[in-house]
PDB file of all heavy atoms in Angstrom:
ATOM      1  N   GLU A   1    -116.839  20.556 136.836  1.00  0.00           N
ATOM      2  CA  GLU A   1    -117.633  19.877 135.700  1.00  0.00           C
ATOM      3  C   GLU A   1    -117.424  20.701 134.439  1.00  0.00           C
ATOM      4  O   GLU A   1    -117.335  19.985 133.389  1.00  0.00           O
ATOM      5  CB  GLU A   1    -119.157  19.731 136.183  1.00  0.00           C
ATOM      6  CG  GLU A   1    -119.413  18.883 137.342  1.00  0.00           C
ATOM      7  CD  GLU A   1    -120.762  18.910 137.838  1.00  0.00           C
ATOM      8  OE1 GLU A   1    -121.723  19.682 137.328  1.00  0.00           O
ATOM      9  OE2 GLU A   1    -121.004  18.266 138.915  1.00  0.00           O
ATOM     10  N   GLN A   2    -117.497  22.038 134.460  1.00  0.00           N
ATOM     11  CA  GLN A   2    -117.230  22.699 133.253  1.00  0.00           C
ATOM     12  C   GLN A   2    -115.960  22.282 132.589  1.00  0.00           C
ATOM     13  O   GLN A   2    -115.740  22.121 131.435  1.00  0.00           O
ATOM     14  CB  GLN A   2    -117.216  24.319 133.602  1.00  0.00           C
ATOM     15  CG  GLN A   2    -118.435  24.900 133.388  1.00  0.00           C
ATOM     16  CD  GLN A   2    -118.303  26.435 133.643  1.00  0.00           C
ATOM     17  OE1 GLN A   2    -117.726  26.898 134.642  1.00  0.00           O
ATOM     18  NE2 GLN A   2    -118.753  27.177 132.678  1.00  0.00           N
ATOM     19  N   ALA A   3    -114.825  22.339 133.460  1.00  0.00           N
ATOM     20  CA  ALA A   3    -113.470  21.945 132.960  1.00  0.00           C
ATOM     21  C   ALA A   3    -113.416  20.591 132.444  1.00  0.00           C
ATOM     22  O   ALA A   3    -112.856  20.417 131.346  1.00  0.00           O
ATOM     23  CB  ALA A   3    -112.460  22.059 134.125  1.00  0.00           C
ATOM     24  N   MET A   4    -114.093  19.607 133.034  1.00  0.00           N
ATOM     25  CA  MET A   4    -114.148  18.286 132.490  1.00  0.00           C
ATOM     26  C   MET A   4    -114.829  18.233 131.189  1.00  0.00           C
ATOM     27  O   MET A   4    -114.364  17.553 130.196  1.00  0.00           O
ATOM     28  CB  MET A   4    -114.750  17.259 133.482  1.00  0.00           C
ATOM     29  CG  MET A   4    -113.945  17.034 134.667  1.00  0.00           C
ATOM     30  SD  MET A   4    -114.550  15.646 135.739  1.00  0.00           S
ATOM     31  CE  MET A   4    -116.148  16.113 135.982  1.00  0.00           C
ATOM     32  N   THR A   5    -115.917  18.942 131.018  1.00  0.00           N
ATOM     33  CA  THR A   5    -116.593  19.061 129.765  1.00  0.00           C
ATOM     34  C   THR A   5    -115.707  19.686 128.635  1.00  0.00           C
ATOM     35  O   THR A   5    -115.693  19.181 127.521  1.00  0.00           O
ATOM     36  CB  THR A   5    -117.874  19.897 129.837  1.00  0.00           C
ATOM     37  OG1 THR A   5    -118.773  19.231 130.904  1.00  0.00           O
ATOM     38  CG2 THR A   5    -118.631  20.035 128.688  1.00  0.00           C
ATOM     39  N   LEU A   6    -114.974  20.754 129.019  1.00  0.00           N
ATOM     40  CA  LEU A   6    -114.044  21.320 128.088  1.00  0.00           C
ATOM     41  C   LEU A   6    -112.954  20.392 127.559  1.00  0.00           C
ATOM     42  O   LEU A   6    -112.668  20.377 126.396  1.00  0.00           O
ATOM     43  CB  LEU A   6    -113.528  22.681 128.691  1.00  0.00           C
ATOM     44  CG  LEU A   6    -114.433  23.760 128.757  1.00  0.00           C
ATOM     45  CD1 LEU A   6    -113.768  24.874 129.722  1.00  0.00           C
ATOM     46  CD2 LEU A   6    -114.885  24.289 127.449  1.00  0.00           C
ATOM     47  N   PHE A   7    -112.431  19.641 128.485  1.00  0.00           N
ATOM     48  CA  PHE A   7    -111.327  18.668 128.219  1.00  0.00           C
ATOM     49  C   PHE A   7    -111.959  17.434 127.328  1.00  0.00           C
ATOM     50  O   PHE A   7    -111.173  16.789 126.586  1.00  0.00           O
ATOM     51  CB  PHE A   7    -110.652  18.292 129.400  1.00  0.00           C
ATOM     52  CG  PHE A   7    -109.580  19.188 129.918  1.00  0.00           C
ATOM     53  CD1 PHE A   7    -109.811  19.901 131.137  1.00  0.00           C
ATOM     54  CD2 PHE A   7    -108.446  19.514 129.018  1.00  0.00           C
ATOM     55  CE1 PHE A   7    -108.865  20.768 131.490  1.00  0.00           C
ATOM     56  CE2 PHE A   7    -107.580  20.475 129.636  1.00  0.00           C
ATOM     57  CZ  PHE A   7    -107.740  21.045 130.799  1.00  0.00           C
ATOM     58  N   ALA A   8    -113.166  17.267 127.437  1.00  0.00           N
ATOM     59  CA  ALA A   8    -113.738  16.111 126.733  1.00  0.00           C
ATOM     60  C   ALA A   8    -114.106  16.503 125.275  1.00  0.00           C
ATOM     61  O   ALA A   8    -114.517  15.565 124.468  1.00  0.00           O
ATOM     62  CB  ALA A   8    -114.966  15.533 127.501  1.00  0.00           C
ATOM     63  N   GLN A   9    -114.067  17.679 124.901  1.00  0.00           N
ATOM     64  CA  GLN A   9    -114.392  18.054 123.474  1.00  0.00           C
ATOM     65  C   GLN A   9    -113.406  17.618 122.563  1.00  0.00           C
ATOM     66  O   GLN A   9    -112.084  17.418 122.959  1.00  0.00           O
ATOM     67  CB  GLN A   9    -114.437  19.656 123.506  1.00  0.00           C
ATOM     68  CG  GLN A   9    -115.422  20.267 124.409  1.00  0.00           C
ATOM     69  CD  GLN A   9    -116.890  19.723 124.016  1.00  0.00           C
ATOM     70  OE1 GLN A   9    -117.312  19.756 122.854  1.00  0.00           O
ATOM     71  NE2 GLN A   9    -117.506  19.347 125.149  1.00  0.00           N
ATOM     72  N   PRO A  10    -113.731  17.441 121.283  1.00  0.00           N
ATOM     73  CA  PRO A  10    -112.817  16.864 120.236  1.00  0.00           C
ATOM     74  C   PRO A  10    -111.647  17.949 120.163  1.00  0.00           C
ATOM     75  O   PRO A  10    -110.477  17.561 119.846  1.00  0.00           O
ATOM     76  CB  PRO A  10    -113.515  16.852 118.950  1.00  0.00           C
ATOM     77  CG  PRO A  10    -115.000  16.838 119.414  1.00  0.00           C
ATOM     78  CD  PRO A  10    -115.149  17.482 120.762  1.00  0.00           C
ATOM     79  N   THR A  11    -111.897  19.239 120.214  1.00  0.00           N
ATOM     80  CA  THR A  11    -110.886  20.208 120.259  1.00  0.00           C
ATOM     81  C   THR A  11    -110.964  21.006 121.445  1.00  0.00           C
ATOM     82  O   THR A  11    -112.044  21.702 121.786  1.00  0.00           O
ATOM     83  CB  THR A  11    -110.907  21.255 119.060  1.00  0.00           C
ATOM     84  OG1 THR A  11    -110.996  20.402 117.801  1.00  0.00           O
ATOM     85  CG2 THR A  11    -109.915  22.250 118.991  1.00  0.00           C
ATOM     86  N   VAL A  12    -109.857  20.995 122.215  1.00  0.00           N
ATOM     87  CA  VAL A  12    -109.794  21.607 123.622  1.00  0.00           C
ATOM     88  C   VAL A  12    -109.608  23.179 123.439  1.00  0.00           C
ATOM     89  O   VAL A  12    -108.603  23.623 122.710  1.00  0.00           O
ATOM     90  CB  VAL A  12    -108.863  21.074 124.570  1.00  0.00           C
ATOM     91  CG1 VAL A  12    -108.877  21.837 125.832  1.00  0.00           C
ATOM     92  CG2 VAL A  12    -109.155  19.596 124.701  1.00  0.00           C
ATOM     93  N   ASP A  13    -110.541  23.971 123.896  1.00  0.00           N
ATOM     94  CA  ASP A  13    -110.419  25.441 123.769  1.00  0.00           C
ATOM     95  C   ASP A  13    -109.556  25.944 124.979  1.00  0.00           C
ATOM     96  O   ASP A  13    -109.956  26.011 126.097  1.00  0.00           O
ATOM     97  CB  ASP A  13    -111.851  26.068 123.881  1.00  0.00           C
ATOM     98  CG  ASP A  13    -111.835  27.643 123.711  1.00  0.00           C
ATOM     99  OD1 ASP A  13    -110.720  28.235 123.756  1.00  0.00           O
ATOM    100  OD2 ASP A  13    -112.854  28.115 123.517  1.00  0.00           O
ATOM    101  N   ALA A  14    -108.314  26.188 124.630  1.00  0.00           N
ATOM    102  CA  ALA A  14    -107.417  26.702 125.804  1.00  0.00           C
ATOM    103  C   ALA A  14    -107.840  27.990 126.420  1.00  0.00           C
ATOM    104  O   ALA A  14    -107.614  28.018 127.665  1.00  0.00           O
ATOM    105  CB  ALA A  14    -105.910  26.977 125.061  1.00  0.00           C
ATOM    106  N   ARG A  15    -108.456  28.798 125.742  1.00  0.00           N
ATOM    107  CA  ARG A  15    -108.941  30.134 126.398  1.00  0.00           C
ATOM    108  C   ARG A  15    -110.087  29.809 127.420  1.00  0.00           C
ATOM    109  O   ARG A  15    -110.114  30.330 128.543  1.00  0.00           O
ATOM    110  CB  ARG A  15    -109.291  31.119 125.390  1.00  0.00           C
ATOM    111  CG  ARG A  15    -108.213  31.749 124.600  1.00  0.00           C
ATOM    112  CD  ARG A  15    -108.722  32.722 123.638  1.00  0.00           C
ATOM    113  NE  ARG A  15    -107.545  33.194 122.765  1.00  0.00           N
ATOM    114  CZ  ARG A  15    -107.665  33.773 121.581  1.00  0.00           C
ATOM    115  NH1 ARG A  15    -108.938  33.920 121.184  1.00  0.00           N
ATOM    116  NH2 ARG A  15    -106.638  34.000 120.990  1.00  0.00           N
ATOM    117  N   ALA A  16    -111.012  28.988 126.984  1.00  0.00           N
ATOM    118  CA  ALA A  16    -112.087  28.715 127.836  1.00  0.00           C
ATOM    119  C   ALA A  16    -111.535  27.858 129.113  1.00  0.00           C
ATOM    120  O   ALA A  16    -112.018  28.050 130.100  1.00  0.00           O
ATOM    121  CB  ALA A  16    -113.122  27.749 127.060  1.00  0.00           C
ATOM    122  N   VAL A  17    -110.636  26.869 128.911  1.00  0.00           N
ATOM    123  CA  VAL A  17    -110.073  26.174 130.044  1.00  0.00           C
ATOM    124  C   VAL A  17    -109.402  27.267 130.962  1.00  0.00           C
ATOM    125  O   VAL A  17    -109.529  27.166 132.222  1.00  0.00           O
ATOM    126  CB  VAL A  17    -109.067  25.173 129.532  1.00  0.00           C
ATOM    127  CG1 VAL A  17    -108.287  24.506 130.645  1.00  0.00           C
ATOM    128  CG2 VAL A  17    -109.895  24.025 128.872  1.00  0.00           C
ATOM    129  N   GLU A  18    -108.625  28.073 130.443  1.00  0.00           N
ATOM    130  CA  GLU A  18    -107.979  29.123 131.313  1.00  0.00           C
ATOM    131  C   GLU A  18    -108.938  29.975 132.011  1.00  0.00           C
ATOM    132  O   GLU A  18    -108.819  30.370 133.202  1.00  0.00           O
ATOM    133  CB  GLU A  18    -107.032  30.055 130.503  1.00  0.00           C
ATOM    134  CG  GLU A  18    -106.407  31.098 131.193  1.00  0.00           C
ATOM    135  CD  GLU A  18    -105.373  30.538 132.323  1.00  0.00           C
ATOM    136  OE1 GLU A  18    -105.094  29.371 132.338  1.00  0.00           O
ATOM    137  OE2 GLU A  18    -105.106  31.489 133.203  1.00  0.00           O
ATOM    138  N   ALA A  19    -110.062  30.399 131.357  1.00  0.00           N
ATOM    139  CA  ALA A  19    -111.069  31.226 132.020  1.00  0.00           C
ATOM    140  C   ALA A  19    -111.629  30.411 133.230  1.00  0.00           C
ATOM    141  O   ALA A  19    -111.965  30.993 134.357  1.00  0.00           O
ATOM    142  CB  ALA A  19    -112.138  31.570 131.048  1.00  0.00           C
ATOM    143  N   VAL A  20    -111.894  29.196 133.033  1.00  0.00           N
ATOM    144  CA  VAL A  20    -112.398  28.235 134.112  1.00  0.00           C
ATOM    145  C   VAL A  20    -111.410  28.192 135.149  1.00  0.00           C
ATOM    146  O   VAL A  20    -111.778  28.284 136.408  1.00  0.00           O
ATOM    147  CB  VAL A  20    -112.942  26.964 133.635  1.00  0.00           C
ATOM    148  CG1 VAL A  20    -113.275  25.995 134.781  1.00  0.00           C
ATOM    149  CG2 VAL A  20    -114.117  27.074 132.702  1.00  0.00           C
ATOM    150  N   ARG A  21    -110.184  28.005 134.853  1.00  0.00           N
ATOM    151  CA  ARG A  21    -109.064  27.913 135.905  1.00  0.00           C
ATOM    152  C   ARG A  21    -108.999  29.091 136.756  1.00  0.00           C
ATOM    153  O   ARG A  21    -108.867  29.126 137.902  1.00  0.00           O
ATOM    154  CB  ARG A  21    -107.758  27.606 135.210  1.00  0.00           C
ATOM    155  CG  ARG A  21    -106.628  27.271 136.166  1.00  0.00           C
ATOM    156  CD  ARG A  21    -105.246  27.453 135.581  1.00  0.00           C
ATOM    157  NE  ARG A  21    -104.898  28.787 135.222  1.00  0.00           N
ATOM    158  CZ  ARG A  21    -104.571  29.754 135.979  1.00  0.00           C
ATOM    159  NH1 ARG A  21    -104.328  29.498 137.334  1.00  0.00           N
ATOM    160  NH2 ARG A  21    -104.187  30.987 135.610  1.00  0.00           N
ATOM    161  N   GLN A  22    -109.084  30.295 136.101  1.00  0.00           N
ATOM    162  CA  GLN A  22    -109.059  31.488 136.792  1.00  0.00           C
ATOM    163  C   GLN A  22    -110.262  31.721 137.718  1.00  0.00           C
ATOM    164  O   GLN A  22    -110.070  32.209 138.884  1.00  0.00           O
ATOM    165  CB  GLN A  22    -108.982  32.748 135.847  1.00  0.00           C
ATOM    166  CG  GLN A  22    -107.659  32.722 135.215  1.00  0.00           C
ATOM    167  CD  GLN A  22    -107.606  33.943 134.105  1.00  0.00           C
ATOM    168  OE1 GLN A  22    -108.531  34.751 134.046  1.00  0.00           O
ATOM    169  NE2 GLN A  22    -106.453  34.006 133.391  1.00  0.00           N
ATOM    170  N   GLN A  23    -111.370  31.210 137.326  1.00  0.00           N
ATOM    171  CA  GLN A  23    -112.612  31.240 138.179  1.00  0.00           C
ATOM    172  C   GLN A  23    -112.322  30.415 139.440  1.00  0.00           C
ATOM    173  O   GLN A  23    -112.706  30.745 140.576  1.00  0.00           O
ATOM    174  CB  GLN A  23    -113.865  30.819 137.483  1.00  0.00           C
ATOM    175  CG  GLN A  23    -114.313  31.818 136.446  1.00  0.00           C
ATOM    176  CD  GLN A  23    -115.459  31.267 135.668  1.00  0.00           C
ATOM    177  OE1 GLN A  23    -115.646  30.152 135.329  1.00  0.00           O
ATOM    178  NE2 GLN A  23    -116.465  32.187 135.534  1.00  0.00           N
ATOM    179  N   MET A  24    -111.785  29.149 139.259  1.00  0.00           N
ATOM    180  CA  MET A  24    -111.433  28.264 140.290  1.00  0.00           C
ATOM    181  C   MET A  24    -110.380  28.911 141.266  1.00  0.00           C
ATOM    182  O   MET A  24    -110.544  28.759 142.530  1.00  0.00           O
ATOM    183  CB  MET A  24    -110.760  26.975 139.767  1.00  0.00           C
ATOM    184  CG  MET A  24    -111.736  26.135 138.995  1.00  0.00           C
ATOM    185  SD  MET A  24    -110.832  24.688 138.338  1.00  0.00           S
ATOM    186  CE  MET A  24    -112.155  23.463 138.256  1.00  0.00           C
ATOM    187  N   VAL A  25    -109.471  29.601 140.768  1.00  0.00           N
ATOM    188  CA  VAL A  25    -108.429  30.292 141.576  1.00  0.00           C
ATOM    189  C   VAL A  25    -109.200  31.367 142.439  1.00  0.00           C
ATOM    190  O   VAL A  25    -108.903  31.485 143.655  1.00  0.00           O
ATOM    191  CB  VAL A  25    -107.312  30.853 140.804  1.00  0.00           C
ATOM    192  CG1 VAL A  25    -106.443  31.856 141.587  1.00  0.00           C
ATOM    193  CG2 VAL A  25    -106.420  29.697 140.132  1.00  0.00           C
ATOM    194  N   GLN A  26    -110.065  32.104 141.890  1.00  0.00           N
ATOM    195  CA  GLN A  26    -110.736  33.145 142.653  1.00  0.00           C
ATOM    196  C   GLN A  26    -111.677  32.508 143.661  1.00  0.00           C
ATOM    197  O   GLN A  26    -111.699  32.912 144.731  1.00  0.00           O
ATOM    198  CB  GLN A  26    -111.703  33.972 141.604  1.00  0.00           C
ATOM    199  CG  GLN A  26    -110.948  34.835 140.759  1.00  0.00           C
ATOM    200  CD  GLN A  26    -111.886  35.629 139.724  1.00  0.00           C
ATOM    201  OE1 GLN A  26    -112.979  35.112 139.408  1.00  0.00           O
ATOM    202  NE2 GLN A  26    -111.440  36.762 139.183  1.00  0.00           N
ATOM    203  N   GLN A  27    -112.241  31.377 143.311  1.00  0.00           N
ATOM    204  CA  GLN A  27    -113.140  30.713 144.260  1.00  0.00           C
ATOM    205  C   GLN A  27    -112.297  30.197 145.478  1.00  0.00           C
ATOM    206  O   GLN A  27    -112.580  30.383 146.663  1.00  0.00           O
ATOM    207  CB  GLN A  27    -113.923  29.446 143.705  1.00  0.00           C
ATOM    208  CG  GLN A  27    -114.978  28.853 144.652  1.00  0.00           C
ATOM    209  CD  GLN A  27    -114.245  27.821 145.607  1.00  0.00           C
ATOM    210  OE1 GLN A  27    -113.274  27.236 145.353  1.00  0.00           O
ATOM    211  NE2 GLN A  27    -114.876  27.786 146.801  1.00  0.00           N
ATOM    212  N   HIS A  28    -111.042  29.583 145.179  1.00  0.00           N
ATOM    213  CA  HIS A  28    -110.166  29.138 146.265  1.00  0.00           C
ATOM    214  C   HIS A  28    -109.730  30.324 147.062  1.00  0.00           C
ATOM    215  O   HIS A  28    -109.665  30.217 148.267  1.00  0.00           O
ATOM    216  CB  HIS A  28    -108.919  28.528 145.551  1.00  0.00           C
ATOM    217  CG  HIS A  28    -107.946  27.995 146.724  1.00  0.00           C
ATOM    218  ND1 HIS A  28    -108.283  26.853 147.450  1.00  0.00           N
ATOM    219  CD2 HIS A  28    -106.877  28.553 147.012  1.00  0.00           C
ATOM    220  CE1 HIS A  28    -107.211  26.753 148.301  1.00  0.00           C
ATOM    221  NE2 HIS A  28    -106.387  27.749 148.047  1.00  0.00           N
ATOM    222  N   ASP A  29    -109.441  31.457 146.466  1.00  0.00           N
ATOM    223  CA  ASP A  29    -109.067  32.703 147.290  1.00  0.00           C
ATOM    224  C   ASP A  29    -110.144  33.238 148.121  1.00  0.00           C
ATOM    225  O   ASP A  29    -109.831  33.566 149.254  1.00  0.00           O
ATOM    226  CB  ASP A  29    -108.600  33.816 146.134  1.00  0.00           C
ATOM    227  CG  ASP A  29    -107.983  34.918 146.960  1.00  0.00           C
ATOM    228  OD1 ASP A  29    -107.016  34.719 147.651  1.00  0.00           O
ATOM    229  OD2 ASP A  29    -108.496  36.035 146.701  1.00  0.00           O
ATOM    230  N   GLN A  30    -111.354  33.128 147.671  1.00  0.00           N
ATOM    231  CA  GLN A  30    -112.458  33.602 148.509  1.00  0.00           C
ATOM    232  C   GLN A  30    -112.640  32.717 149.628  1.00  0.00           C
ATOM    233  O   GLN A  30    -112.761  33.124 150.793  1.00  0.00           O
ATOM    234  CB  GLN A  30    -113.750  33.507 147.740  1.00  0.00           C
ATOM    235  CG  GLN A  30    -113.883  34.696 146.731  1.00  0.00           C
ATOM    236  CD  GLN A  30    -115.305  34.457 145.973  1.00  0.00           C
ATOM    237  OE1 GLN A  30    -115.848  33.346 145.790  1.00  0.00           O
ATOM    238  NE2 GLN A  30    -115.834  35.585 145.511  1.00  0.00           N
ATOM    239  N   SER A  31    -112.386  31.421 149.497  1.00  0.00           N
ATOM    240  CA  SER A  31    -112.535  30.460 150.582  1.00  0.00           C
ATOM    241  C   SER A  31    -111.352  30.711 151.634  1.00  0.00           C
ATOM    242  O   SER A  31    -111.598  30.662 152.778  1.00  0.00           O
ATOM    243  CB  SER A  31    -112.511  28.988 150.111  1.00  0.00           C
ATOM    244  OG  SER A  31    -112.480  28.051 151.115  1.00  0.00           O
TER     245      SER A  31
END
């Protein structure tokens, strides 16, 4: 949901998107 919100912004913050992506990768690794 965070990622979708970031992508829906008028200007996409690449750093914020990357931070969320890294969190997703960590979650997948934990699983």
